[in-house]
């Protein structure tokens, strides 16, 4: 089990400073000849004025193939922000061409801030197993939970069931709980996993450089979850030799969003760059899998027969396989 290093804001009065209220943001203009400058709305520039020195993630907009394209995102550090013009200067030229909102609003490149004030980082203390990081879990409680504005680095433990960066485990109905504005970075296994928990809000989170399915409801019984305005970038397949042992787990064919029960709200999310796909509804024909499979109250529960929730204003691009995949709906 990895040790975890925790970094707190040095000044409590500024602990909210890096909550990223504009996690998914299109570039307005990327002028030719000056790829180290791009423009955003002045209101956004004012928000970013205090973020000089912070890394930005600029997603790929290439067509994804098995040879590449899906992994051509850029990382750049903010060096200057002009709050009047909206110009954002970065330390190095952006290496890959980016579509802007003025060029085509349907395909504008997304930008996200890669920093939060509070950081949970698992220490890499075993060179023989670098895929074993930290994990966090909220389990068996009906007390409302708020997890917001936290950065998780090197979390998740490949091949270990239940070991994820953010994990709600058999916690019941949570209409007043939320997971919002967090950053999951360099995840070894999944991102935000909702297991045996209903109605929770998963909103405005960013996940970058992750392995396995990213945003998921896990066992087919979880309903009413709200996945709103989340971004997933550089989603990678889990190696076959380190996949979770349950044969129904499909992280070796990882999608950024994976739903085992379609009775969820999926709105305004973006899957941008995956070496397989964006959204996968994989409902199972029989009773739920996992710990609920033998529960009498779920003997006649069929995830395939549950009502379809919503799928509105989502976007997927730069994946090597399908944008949306549906099985047993």
C-alpha atoms as a PDB file:
ATOM      1  CA  UNK A   1       0.000   0.000   0.000  1.00  0.00           C
ATOM      2  CA  UNK A   2       1.450   3.339  -1.041  1.00  0.00           C
ATOM      3  CA  UNK A   3       2.120   6.177   1.379  1.00  0.00           C
ATOM      4  CA  UNK A   4       0.169   9.352   0.648  1.00  0.00           C
ATOM      5  CA  UNK A   5       1.573  12.861   0.794  1.00  0.00           C
ATOM      6  CA  UNK A   6      -1.027  15.554   1.556  1.00  0.00           C
ATOM      7  CA  UNK A   7      -0.507  19.200   0.643  1.00  0.00           C
ATOM      8  CA  UNK A   8      -2.865  21.752   2.193  1.00  0.00           C
ATOM      9  CA  UNK A   9      -3.326  25.430   1.301  1.00  0.00           C
ATOM     10  CA  UNK A  10      -0.969  27.565   3.378  1.00  0.00           C
ATOM     11  CA  UNK A  11      -3.661  30.179   3.935  1.00  0.00           C
ATOM     12  CA  UNK A  12      -7.163  29.023   4.862  1.00  0.00           C
ATOM     13  CA  UNK A  13      -8.637  32.204   3.440  1.00  0.00           C
ATOM     14  CA  UNK A  14      -7.513  31.123  -0.050  1.00  0.00           C
ATOM     15  CA  UNK A  15      -8.347  27.434   0.182  1.00  0.00           C
ATOM     16  CA  UNK A  16     -10.953  27.821  -2.541  1.00  0.00           C
ATOM     17  CA  UNK A  17      -8.669  29.723  -4.910  1.00  0.00           C
ATOM     18  CA  UNK A  18      -8.065  26.817  -7.229  1.00  0.00           C
ATOM     19  CA  UNK A  19     -11.559  25.416  -7.427  1.00  0.00           C
ATOM     20  CA  UNK A  20     -11.887  25.263 -11.194  1.00  0.00           C
ATOM     21  CA  UNK A  21     -15.327  26.605 -12.028  1.00  0.00           C
ATOM     22  CA  UNK A  22     -14.501  26.526 -15.726  1.00  0.00           C
ATOM     23  CA  UNK A  23     -12.987  23.104 -16.052  1.00  0.00           C
ATOM     24  CA  UNK A  24     -14.210  22.571 -19.617  1.00  0.00           C
ATOM     25  CA  UNK A  25     -13.470  25.634 -21.657  1.00  0.00           C
ATOM     26  CA  UNK A  26     -13.171  26.194 -25.412  1.00  0.00           C
ATOM     27  CA  UNK A  27     -10.363  28.314 -26.858  1.00  0.00           C
ATOM     28  CA  UNK A  28     -11.795  31.375 -28.602  1.00  0.00           C
ATOM     29  CA  UNK A  29      -8.803  32.227 -30.784  1.00  0.00           C
ATOM     30  CA  UNK A  30      -5.412  30.647 -31.379  1.00  0.00           C
ATOM     31  CA  UNK A  31      -3.687  33.142 -33.709  1.00  0.00           C
ATOM     32  CA  UNK A  32      -1.437  31.663 -36.413  1.00  0.00           C
ATOM     33  CA  UNK A  33       2.245  32.318 -35.903  1.00  0.00           C
ATOM     34  CA  UNK A  34       1.906  32.798 -32.130  1.00  0.00           C
ATOM     35  CA  UNK A  35       1.089  29.346 -30.756  1.00  0.00           C
ATOM     36  CA  UNK A  36       2.277  30.380 -27.301  1.00  0.00           C
ATOM     37  CA  UNK A  37      -0.736  32.701 -26.980  1.00  0.00           C
ATOM     38  CA  UNK A  38      -4.425  31.910 -27.068  1.00  0.00           C
ATOM     39  CA  UNK A  39      -7.506  33.893 -26.139  1.00  0.00           C
ATOM     40  CA  UNK A  40     -10.363  33.204 -23.763  1.00  0.00           C
ATOM     41  CA  UNK A  41     -13.262  35.338 -22.603  1.00  0.00           C
ATOM     42  CA  UNK A  42     -12.103  38.276 -20.411  1.00  0.00           C
ATOM     43  CA  UNK A  43     -14.213  37.047 -17.479  1.00  0.00           C
ATOM     44  CA  UNK A  44     -12.342  33.765 -17.579  1.00  0.00           C
ATOM     45  CA  UNK A  45      -9.027  35.573 -17.938  1.00  0.00           C
ATOM     46  CA  UNK A  46      -9.781  37.455 -14.713  1.00  0.00           C
ATOM     47  CA  UNK A  47     -10.316  34.132 -12.968  1.00  0.00           C
ATOM     48  CA  UNK A  48      -6.995  32.868 -14.312  1.00  0.00           C
ATOM     49  CA  UNK A  49      -5.003  36.010 -13.478  1.00  0.00           C
ATOM     50  CA  UNK A  50      -3.966  34.458 -10.159  1.00  0.00           C
ATOM     51  CA  UNK A  51      -2.913  31.194 -11.800  1.00  0.00           C
ATOM     52  CA  UNK A  52       0.385  32.291 -13.357  1.00  0.00           C
ATOM     53  CA  UNK A  53       2.751  29.347 -13.000  1.00  0.00           C
ATOM     54  CA  UNK A  54      -0.091  26.812 -13.168  1.00  0.00           C
ATOM     55  CA  UNK A  55      -0.211  24.014 -15.731  1.00  0.00           C
ATOM     56  CA  UNK A  56      -2.958  23.947 -18.335  1.00  0.00           C
ATOM     57  CA  UNK A  57      -4.207  20.860 -20.122  1.00  0.00           C
ATOM     58  CA  UNK A  58      -5.136  21.514 -23.761  1.00  0.00           C
ATOM     59  CA  UNK A  59      -6.889  18.517 -25.292  1.00  0.00           C
ATOM     60  CA  UNK A  60      -6.185  16.919 -28.632  1.00  0.00           C
ATOM     61  CA  UNK A  61      -8.543  17.488 -31.520  1.00  0.00           C
ATOM     62  CA  UNK A  62      -6.992  14.976 -33.886  1.00  0.00           C
ATOM     63  CA  UNK A  63      -8.859  11.995 -35.284  1.00  0.00           C
ATOM     64  CA  UNK A  64      -7.933   9.105 -33.028  1.00  0.00           C
ATOM     65  CA  UNK A  65      -6.334   6.021 -34.586  1.00  0.00           C
ATOM     66  CA  UNK A  66      -4.382   3.095 -33.165  1.00  0.00           C
ATOM     67  CA  UNK A  67      -1.252   4.877 -34.408  1.00  0.00           C
ATOM     68  CA  UNK A  68      -1.917   8.067 -32.470  1.00  0.00           C
ATOM     69  CA  UNK A  69      -3.888  11.294 -32.540  1.00  0.00           C
ATOM     70  CA  UNK A  70      -5.828  10.378 -29.405  1.00  0.00           C
ATOM     71  CA  UNK A  71      -2.759  11.223 -27.284  1.00  0.00           C
ATOM     72  CA  UNK A  72      -1.800  14.597 -28.778  1.00  0.00           C
ATOM     73  CA  UNK A  73      -2.901  16.765 -25.879  1.00  0.00           C
ATOM     74  CA  UNK A  74      -0.598  19.585 -24.737  1.00  0.00           C
ATOM     75  CA  UNK A  75       0.555  20.699 -21.293  1.00  0.00           C
ATOM     76  CA  UNK A  76       1.632  24.320 -20.913  1.00  0.00           C
ATOM     77  CA  UNK A  77       2.386  26.638 -18.001  1.00  0.00           C
ATOM     78  CA  UNK A  78       0.662  30.029 -17.748  1.00  0.00           C
ATOM     79  CA  UNK A  79       3.215  32.861 -17.832  1.00  0.00           C
ATOM     80  CA  UNK A  80       0.936  35.883 -18.264  1.00  0.00           C
ATOM     81  CA  UNK A  81      -2.774  36.678 -18.419  1.00  0.00           C
ATOM     82  CA  UNK A  82      -4.203  39.867 -19.938  1.00  0.00           C
ATOM     83  CA  UNK A  83      -7.550  40.420 -18.220  1.00  0.00           C
ATOM     84  CA  UNK A  84      -8.622  43.045 -20.768  1.00  0.00           C
ATOM     85  CA  UNK A  85      -8.022  41.174 -24.025  1.00  0.00           C
ATOM     86  CA  UNK A  86      -8.313  37.651 -22.631  1.00  0.00           C
ATOM     87  CA  UNK A  87      -4.855  36.710 -23.933  1.00  0.00           C
ATOM     88  CA  UNK A  88      -3.219  33.810 -22.106  1.00  0.00           C
ATOM     89  CA  UNK A  89       0.522  33.351 -22.651  1.00  0.00           C
ATOM     90  CA  UNK A  90       2.200  30.013 -21.967  1.00  0.00           C
ATOM     91  CA  UNK A  91       5.816  29.001 -21.541  1.00  0.00           C
ATOM     92  CA  UNK A  92       6.191  26.839 -24.667  1.00  0.00           C
ATOM     93  CA  UNK A  93       4.489  26.914 -28.051  1.00  0.00           C
ATOM     94  CA  UNK A  94       1.508  24.599 -28.272  1.00  0.00           C
ATOM     95  CA  UNK A  95       2.856  21.640 -30.242  1.00  0.00           C
ATOM     96  CA  UNK A  96      -0.329  20.466 -31.922  1.00  0.00           C
ATOM     97  CA  UNK A  97      -2.886  22.390 -33.953  1.00  0.00           C
ATOM     98  CA  UNK A  98      -6.039  23.258 -31.997  1.00  0.00           C
ATOM     99  CA  UNK A  99      -9.482  24.122 -33.318  1.00  0.00           C
ATOM    100  CA  UNK A 100     -10.927  27.270 -31.776  1.00  0.00           C
ATOM    101  CA  UNK A 101     -14.498  28.237 -30.996  1.00  0.00           C
ATOM    102  CA  UNK A 102     -14.493  30.915 -33.698  1.00  0.00           C
ATOM    103  CA  UNK A 103     -13.368  28.376 -36.259  1.00  0.00           C
ATOM    104  CA  UNK A 104     -15.951  25.745 -35.348  1.00  0.00           C
ATOM    105  CA  UNK A 105     -17.792  25.849 -32.031  1.00  0.00           C
ATOM    106  CA  UNK A 106     -18.761  22.186 -32.404  1.00  0.00           C
ATOM    107  CA  UNK A 107     -15.153  21.035 -32.263  1.00  0.00           C
ATOM    108  CA  UNK A 108     -13.379  23.652 -30.156  1.00  0.00           C
ATOM    109  CA  UNK A 109     -10.488  22.334 -28.085  1.00  0.00           C
ATOM    110  CA  UNK A 110     -11.081  22.033 -24.323  1.00  0.00           C
ATOM    111  CA  UNK A 111      -8.757  23.529 -21.713  1.00  0.00           C
ATOM    112  CA  UNK A 112      -8.524  22.606 -18.017  1.00  0.00           C
ATOM    113  CA  UNK A 113      -6.458  23.828 -15.077  1.00  0.00           C
ATOM    114  CA  UNK A 114      -4.200  21.032 -13.768  1.00  0.00           C
ATOM    115  CA  UNK A 115      -3.974  22.143 -10.163  1.00  0.00           C
ATOM    116  CA  UNK A 116      -6.006  22.197  -6.962  1.00  0.00           C
ATOM    117  CA  UNK A 117      -5.098  23.768  -3.634  1.00  0.00           C
ATOM    118  CA  UNK A 118      -5.371  20.518  -1.688  1.00  0.00           C
ATOM    119  CA  UNK A 119      -3.337  17.618  -3.099  1.00  0.00           C
ATOM    120  CA  UNK A 120      -3.387  13.926  -2.165  1.00  0.00           C
ATOM    121  CA  UNK A 121      -0.369  12.318  -3.819  1.00  0.00           C
ATOM    122  CA  UNK A 122       0.630   8.689  -3.368  1.00  0.00           C
ATOM    123  CA  UNK A 123       4.372   8.243  -2.968  1.00  0.00           C
ATOM    124  CA  UNK A 124       5.997   5.918  -5.506  1.00  0.00           C
ATOM    125  CA  UNK A 125       7.724   3.737  -2.934  1.00  0.00           C
ATOM    126  CA  UNK A 126       7.968   0.423  -4.824  1.00  0.00           C
ATOM    127  CA  UNK A 127       9.837   0.533  -8.128  1.00  0.00           C
ATOM    128  CA  UNK A 128       8.768  -3.054  -8.852  1.00  0.00           C
ATOM    129  CA  UNK A 129       5.063  -2.141  -8.726  1.00  0.00           C
ATOM    130  CA  UNK A 130       4.688   1.458  -9.955  1.00  0.00           C
ATOM    131  CA  UNK A 131       1.045   0.750 -10.772  1.00  0.00           C
ATOM    132  CA  UNK A 132       0.154   0.521  -7.057  1.00  0.00           C
ATOM    133  CA  UNK A 133      -0.849   3.934  -5.714  1.00  0.00           C
ATOM    134  CA  UNK A 134      -3.164   5.212  -3.011  1.00  0.00           C
ATOM    135  CA  UNK A 135      -6.941   4.921  -2.842  1.00  0.00           C
ATOM    136  CA  UNK A 136      -9.820   6.678  -1.112  1.00  0.00           C
ATOM    137  CA  UNK A 137     -13.262   5.360  -0.231  1.00  0.00           C
ATOM    138  CA  UNK A 138     -16.496   6.557   1.374  1.00  0.00           C
ATOM    139  CA  UNK A 139     -18.467   3.525   2.498  1.00  0.00           C
ATOM    140  CA  UNK A 140     -21.537   2.385   4.414  1.00  0.00           C
ATOM    141  CA  UNK A 141     -22.770   5.827   5.461  1.00  0.00           C
ATOM    142  CA  UNK A 142     -25.888   7.867   4.780  1.00  0.00           C
ATOM    143  CA  UNK A 143     -24.280  11.066   6.061  1.00  0.00           C
ATOM    144  CA  UNK A 144     -24.164  13.602   3.174  1.00  0.00           C
ATOM    145  CA  UNK A 145     -20.667  13.926   1.710  1.00  0.00           C
ATOM    146  CA  UNK A 146     -18.982  16.835  -0.079  1.00  0.00           C
ATOM    147  CA  UNK A 147     -15.705  16.186  -1.889  1.00  0.00           C
ATOM    148  CA  UNK A 148     -14.665  19.269  -3.823  1.00  0.00           C
ATOM    149  CA  UNK A 149     -11.527  20.998  -5.069  1.00  0.00           C
ATOM    150  CA  UNK A 150      -9.062  18.166  -4.336  1.00  0.00           C
ATOM    151  CA  UNK A 151      -6.261  16.870  -6.568  1.00  0.00           C
ATOM    152  CA  UNK A 152      -5.550  13.122  -6.540  1.00  0.00           C
ATOM    153  CA  UNK A 153      -2.181  12.059  -7.990  1.00  0.00           C
ATOM    154  CA  UNK A 154      -0.975   8.479  -8.465  1.00  0.00           C
ATOM    155  CA  UNK A 155      -4.078   6.918  -6.904  1.00  0.00           C
ATOM    156  CA  UNK A 156      -5.607   3.575  -7.842  1.00  0.00           C
ATOM    157  CA  UNK A 157      -4.146   0.064  -7.596  1.00  0.00           C
ATOM    158  CA  UNK A 158      -4.218  -1.974 -10.779  1.00  0.00           C
ATOM    159  CA  UNK A 159      -5.854  -5.368 -10.485  1.00  0.00           C
ATOM    160  CA  UNK A 160      -7.201  -4.715  -6.977  1.00  0.00           C
ATOM    161  CA  UNK A 161     -10.983  -4.552  -6.775  1.00  0.00           C
ATOM    162  CA  UNK A 162     -12.228  -1.482  -4.892  1.00  0.00           C
ATOM    163  CA  UNK A 163      -8.944   0.460  -5.069  1.00  0.00           C
ATOM    164  CA  UNK A 164      -9.714   3.694  -6.920  1.00  0.00           C
ATOM    165  CA  UNK A 165      -8.941   7.432  -6.585  1.00  0.00           C
ATOM    166  CA  UNK A 166     -12.525   8.385  -5.626  1.00  0.00           C
ATOM    167  CA  UNK A 167     -14.846   5.575  -4.574  1.00  0.00           C
ATOM    168  CA  UNK A 168     -18.307   5.579  -2.994  1.00  0.00           C
ATOM    169  CA  UNK A 169     -18.924   2.039  -1.716  1.00  0.00           C
ATOM    170  CA  UNK A 170     -22.387   0.693  -0.805  1.00  0.00           C
ATOM    171  CA  UNK A 171     -23.415   3.961   0.821  1.00  0.00           C
ATOM    172  CA  UNK A 172     -27.119   3.967  -0.083  1.00  0.00           C
ATOM    173  CA  UNK A 173     -29.101   6.930  -1.407  1.00  0.00           C
ATOM    174  CA  UNK A 174     -27.141  10.222  -1.511  1.00  0.00           C
ATOM    175  CA  UNK A 175     -29.188  12.992  -3.189  1.00  0.00           C
ATOM    176  CA  UNK A 176     -27.387  15.639  -1.091  1.00  0.00           C
ATOM    177  CA  UNK A 177     -23.829  14.420  -1.677  1.00  0.00           C
ATOM    178  CA  UNK A 178     -21.484  15.594  -4.423  1.00  0.00           C
ATOM    179  CA  UNK A 179     -18.091  14.976  -5.983  1.00  0.00           C
ATOM    180  CA  UNK A 180     -17.221  18.196  -7.764  1.00  0.00           C
ATOM    181  CA  UNK A 181     -14.354  20.247  -9.203  1.00  0.00           C
ATOM    182  CA  UNK A 182     -11.745  17.625  -8.351  1.00  0.00           C
ATOM    183  CA  UNK A 183      -8.723  16.654 -10.426  1.00  0.00           C
ATOM    184  CA  UNK A 184      -7.681  13.019 -10.878  1.00  0.00           C
ATOM    185  CA  UNK A 185      -4.259  12.800 -12.465  1.00  0.00           C
ATOM    186  CA  UNK A 186      -2.029   9.845 -13.282  1.00  0.00           C
ATOM    187  CA  UNK A 187      -4.561   7.307 -12.032  1.00  0.00           C
ATOM    188  CA  UNK A 188      -3.470   3.684 -12.065  1.00  0.00           C
ATOM    189  CA  UNK A 189      -7.041   2.373 -12.024  1.00  0.00           C
ATOM    190  CA  UNK A 190     -10.252   4.249 -12.812  1.00  0.00           C
ATOM    191  CA  UNK A 191     -11.233   7.730 -11.600  1.00  0.00           C
ATOM    192  CA  UNK A 192     -14.652   8.278  -9.966  1.00  0.00           C
ATOM    193  CA  UNK A 193     -16.365   4.996  -9.104  1.00  0.00           C
ATOM    194  CA  UNK A 194     -19.913   4.952  -7.720  1.00  0.00           C
ATOM    195  CA  UNK A 195     -20.728   1.523  -6.277  1.00  0.00           C
ATOM    196  CA  UNK A 196     -23.929   0.668  -4.459  1.00  0.00           C
ATOM    197  CA  UNK A 197     -24.732   4.363  -4.097  1.00  0.00           C
ATOM    198  CA  UNK A 198     -27.641   6.244  -5.721  1.00  0.00           C
ATOM    199  CA  UNK A 199     -28.476   9.847  -6.662  1.00  0.00           C
ATOM    200  CA  UNK A 200     -25.043  11.388  -6.001  1.00  0.00           C
ATOM    201  CA  UNK A 201     -23.893  14.388  -8.060  1.00  0.00           C
ATOM    202  CA  UNK A 202     -20.602  13.986  -9.980  1.00  0.00           C
ATOM    203  CA  UNK A 203     -19.950  17.396 -11.496  1.00  0.00           C
ATOM    204  CA  UNK A 204     -17.182  19.470 -13.122  1.00  0.00           C
ATOM    205  CA  UNK A 205     -14.365  17.057 -12.398  1.00  0.00           C
ATOM    206  CA  UNK A 206     -11.253  16.655 -14.562  1.00  0.00           C
ATOM    207  CA  UNK A 207      -9.463  13.350 -15.113  1.00  0.00           C
ATOM    208  CA  UNK A 208      -6.193  13.209 -17.035  1.00  0.00           C
ATOM    209  CA  UNK A 209      -3.788  10.387 -17.866  1.00  0.00           C
ATOM    210  CA  UNK A 210      -5.784   7.528 -16.373  1.00  0.00           C
ATOM    211  CA  UNK A 211      -5.968   3.737 -16.788  1.00  0.00           C
ATOM    212  CA  UNK A 212      -9.191   1.737 -17.036  1.00  0.00           C
ATOM    213  CA  UNK A 213     -12.762   3.012 -17.182  1.00  0.00           C
ATOM    214  CA  UNK A 214     -12.858   6.489 -15.677  1.00  0.00           C
ATOM    215  CA  UNK A 215     -16.309   7.726 -14.574  1.00  0.00           C
ATOM    216  CA  UNK A 216     -18.521   4.736 -13.750  1.00  0.00           C
ATOM    217  CA  UNK A 217     -21.452   3.202 -11.888  1.00  0.00           C
ATOM    218  CA  UNK A 218     -20.020  -0.172 -11.054  1.00  0.00           C
ATOM    219  CA  UNK A 219     -22.405  -3.032 -10.372  1.00  0.00           C
ATOM    220  CA  UNK A 220     -25.623  -2.348 -12.257  1.00  0.00           C
ATOM    221  CA  UNK A 221     -27.803  -1.330  -9.301  1.00  0.00           C
ATOM    222  CA  UNK A 222     -26.709   2.311  -9.020  1.00  0.00           C
ATOM    223  CA  UNK A 223     -29.384   4.700 -10.300  1.00  0.00           C
ATOM    224  CA  UNK A 224     -30.189   8.407 -10.328  1.00  0.00           C
ATOM    225  CA  UNK A 225     -26.529   9.424 -10.400  1.00  0.00           C
ATOM    226  CA  UNK A 226     -25.901  12.768 -12.081  1.00  0.00           C
ATOM    227  CA  UNK A 227     -22.770  12.936 -14.233  1.00  0.00           C
ATOM    228  CA  UNK A 228     -22.666  16.623 -15.219  1.00  0.00           C
ATOM    229  CA  UNK A 229     -19.935  18.601 -17.060  1.00  0.00           C
ATOM    230  CA  UNK A 230     -17.042  16.240 -16.401  1.00  0.00           C
ATOM    231  CA  UNK A 231     -13.935  15.985 -18.573  1.00  0.00           C
ATOM    232  CA  UNK A 232     -11.838  12.876 -19.222  1.00  0.00           C
ATOM    233  CA  UNK A 233      -8.593  13.057 -21.203  1.00  0.00           C
ATOM    234  CA  UNK A 234      -6.051  10.381 -22.168  1.00  0.00           C
ATOM    235  CA  UNK A 235      -8.006   7.334 -21.036  1.00  0.00           C
ATOM    236  CA  UNK A 236      -5.867   4.200 -21.449  1.00  0.00           C
ATOM    237  CA  UNK A 237      -6.618   0.490 -21.517  1.00  0.00           C
ATOM    238  CA  UNK A 238      -5.666  -1.533 -18.462  1.00  0.00           C
ATOM    239  CA  UNK A 239      -3.101  -4.261 -19.195  1.00  0.00           C
ATOM    240  CA  UNK A 240      -4.667  -7.713 -19.447  1.00  0.00           C
ATOM    241  CA  UNK A 241      -2.237  -9.136 -16.901  1.00  0.00           C
ATOM    242  CA  UNK A 242      -3.303  -6.554 -14.290  1.00  0.00           C
ATOM    243  CA  UNK A 243      -7.036  -6.295 -14.899  1.00  0.00           C
ATOM    244  CA  UNK A 244      -9.513  -6.852 -12.082  1.00  0.00           C
ATOM    245  CA  UNK A 245     -10.192 -10.571 -11.708  1.00  0.00           C
ATOM    246  CA  UNK A 246     -13.986 -10.446 -12.164  1.00  0.00           C
ATOM    247  CA  UNK A 247     -14.615 -11.545 -15.796  1.00  0.00           C
ATOM    248  CA  UNK A 248     -17.373  -8.938 -16.136  1.00  0.00           C
ATOM    249  CA  UNK A 249     -14.912  -6.088 -15.596  1.00  0.00           C
ATOM    250  CA  UNK A 250     -13.833  -4.707 -18.971  1.00  0.00           C
ATOM    251  CA  UNK A 251     -11.110  -2.172 -18.141  1.00  0.00           C
ATOM    252  CA  UNK A 252      -8.846  -3.808 -20.719  1.00  0.00           C
ATOM    253  CA  UNK A 253     -11.261  -2.158 -23.170  1.00  0.00           C
ATOM    254  CA  UNK A 254     -11.501   1.089 -21.238  1.00  0.00           C
ATOM    255  CA  UNK A 255     -13.953   3.847 -22.067  1.00  0.00           C
ATOM    256  CA  UNK A 256     -13.893   7.251 -20.388  1.00  0.00           C
ATOM    257  CA  UNK A 257     -17.506   6.852 -19.213  1.00  0.00           C
ATOM    258  CA  UNK A 258     -18.814   3.341 -18.402  1.00  0.00           C
ATOM    259  CA  UNK A 259     -22.373   2.751 -17.205  1.00  0.00           C
ATOM    260  CA  UNK A 260     -23.718  -0.614 -16.040  1.00  0.00           C
ATOM    261  CA  UNK A 261     -27.182   0.847 -15.435  1.00  0.00           C
ATOM    262  CA  UNK A 262     -28.586   3.370 -17.912  1.00  0.00           C
ATOM    263  CA  UNK A 263     -30.907   5.040 -15.389  1.00  0.00           C
ATOM    264  CA  UNK A 264     -28.491   7.934 -14.837  1.00  0.00           C
ATOM    265  CA  UNK A 265     -28.239  11.557 -15.991  1.00  0.00           C
ATOM    266  CA  UNK A 266     -25.323  12.143 -18.367  1.00  0.00           C
ATOM    267  CA  UNK A 267     -25.174  15.777 -19.439  1.00  0.00           C
ATOM    268  CA  UNK A 268     -22.496  18.152 -20.725  1.00  0.00           C
ATOM    269  CA  UNK A 269     -19.599  15.715 -20.358  1.00  0.00           C
ATOM    270  CA  UNK A 270     -16.570  15.442 -22.642  1.00  0.00           C
ATOM    271  CA  UNK A 271     -14.388  12.450 -23.486  1.00  0.00           C
ATOM    272  CA  UNK A 272     -11.361  13.867 -25.279  1.00  0.00           C
ATOM    273  CA  UNK A 273      -8.715  11.362 -26.282  1.00  0.00           C
ATOM    274  CA  UNK A 274      -8.902   7.657 -25.438  1.00  0.00           C
ATOM    275  CA  UNK A 275      -7.168   4.665 -26.907  1.00  0.00           C
ATOM    276  CA  UNK A 276     -10.573   3.050 -27.193  1.00  0.00           C
ATOM    277  CA  UNK A 277     -13.778   5.029 -26.699  1.00  0.00           C
ATOM    278  CA  UNK A 278     -15.839   7.692 -24.988  1.00  0.00           C
ATOM    279  CA  UNK A 279     -19.194   6.476 -23.589  1.00  0.00           C
ATOM    280  CA  UNK A 280     -20.116   2.827 -23.035  1.00  0.00           C
ATOM    281  CA  UNK A 281     -23.476   1.592 -21.750  1.00  0.00           C
ATOM    282  CA  UNK A 282     -22.816  -2.034 -20.808  1.00  0.00           C
ATOM    283  CA  UNK A 283     -25.862  -3.244 -18.938  1.00  0.00           C
ATOM    284  CA  UNK A 284     -25.931  -6.902 -17.951  1.00  0.00           C
ATOM    285  CA  UNK A 285     -28.811  -9.186 -18.881  1.00  0.00           C
ATOM    286  CA  UNK A 286     -29.070 -10.904 -15.529  1.00  0.00           C
ATOM    287  CA  UNK A 287     -28.994  -9.841 -11.883  1.00  0.00           C
ATOM    288  CA  UNK A 288     -26.363  -7.284 -10.856  1.00  0.00           C
ATOM    289  CA  UNK A 289     -22.807  -8.527 -10.550  1.00  0.00           C
ATOM    290  CA  UNK A 290     -20.534  -7.986  -7.576  1.00  0.00           C
ATOM    291  CA  UNK A 291     -21.751  -8.237  -3.961  1.00  0.00           C
ATOM    292  CA  UNK A 292     -25.405  -7.764  -4.971  1.00  0.00           C
ATOM    293  CA  UNK A 293     -25.570 -10.864  -7.145  1.00  0.00           C
ATOM    294  CA  UNK A 294     -26.755 -13.093  -4.276  1.00  0.00           C
ATOM    295  CA  UNK A 295     -28.949 -10.606  -2.410  1.00  0.00           C
ATOM    296  CA  UNK A 296     -32.612 -11.807  -2.349  1.00  0.00           C
ATOM    297  CA  UNK A 297     -33.967  -8.293  -2.984  1.00  0.00           C
ATOM    298  CA  UNK A 298     -32.118  -8.197  -6.309  1.00  0.00           C
ATOM    299  CA  UNK A 299     -33.109 -11.685  -7.462  1.00  0.00           C
ATOM    300  CA  UNK A 300     -35.442 -10.242 -10.115  1.00  0.00           C
ATOM    301  CA  UNK A 301     -33.553  -7.007 -10.733  1.00  0.00           C
ATOM    302  CA  UNK A 302     -32.497  -6.714 -14.356  1.00  0.00           C
ATOM    303  CA  UNK A 303     -30.318  -3.668 -15.201  1.00  0.00           C
ATOM    304  CA  UNK A 304     -31.193  -4.161 -18.869  1.00  0.00           C
ATOM    305  CA  UNK A 305     -34.874  -3.440 -18.107  1.00  0.00           C
ATOM    306  CA  UNK A 306     -34.379  -0.261 -16.130  1.00  0.00           C
ATOM    307  CA  UNK A 307     -35.545   3.056 -17.671  1.00  0.00           C
ATOM    308  CA  UNK A 308     -33.103   5.133 -19.648  1.00  0.00           C
ATOM    309  CA  UNK A 309     -32.011   8.345 -17.956  1.00  0.00           C
ATOM    310  CA  UNK A 310     -30.785  11.337 -19.959  1.00  0.00           C
ATOM    311  CA  UNK A 311     -27.927  11.788 -22.435  1.00  0.00           C
ATOM    312  CA  UNK A 312     -27.739  15.480 -23.374  1.00  0.00           C
ATOM    313  CA  UNK A 313     -25.043  17.794 -24.790  1.00  0.00           C
ATOM    314  CA  UNK A 314     -22.175  15.360 -24.327  1.00  0.00           C
ATOM    315  CA  UNK A 315     -19.144  15.342 -26.626  1.00  0.00           C
ATOM    316  CA  UNK A 316     -16.565  12.758 -27.573  1.00  0.00           C
ATOM    317  CA  UNK A 317     -13.616  13.097 -29.929  1.00  0.00           C
ATOM    318  CA  UNK A 318     -10.168  11.760 -30.733  1.00  0.00           C
ATOM    319  CA  UNK A 319     -10.858   8.160 -29.737  1.00  0.00           C
ATOM    320  CA  UNK A 320      -9.531   5.130 -31.595  1.00  0.00           C
ATOM    321  CA  UNK A 321     -12.760   3.139 -31.601  1.00  0.00           C
ATOM    322  CA  UNK A 322     -16.362   4.233 -30.916  1.00  0.00           C
ATOM    323  CA  UNK A 323     -17.680   7.488 -29.560  1.00  0.00           C
ATOM    324  CA  UNK A 324     -20.695   5.758 -28.000  1.00  0.00           C
ATOM    325  CA  UNK A 325     -21.153   2.025 -27.489  1.00  0.00           C
ATOM    326  CA  UNK A 326     -24.336   0.359 -26.227  1.00  0.00           C
ATOM    327  CA  UNK A 327     -24.710  -3.298 -25.220  1.00  0.00           C
ATOM    328  CA  UNK A 328     -27.961  -4.840 -23.922  1.00  0.00           C
ATOM    329  CA  UNK A 329     -29.870  -1.552 -23.736  1.00  0.00           C
END
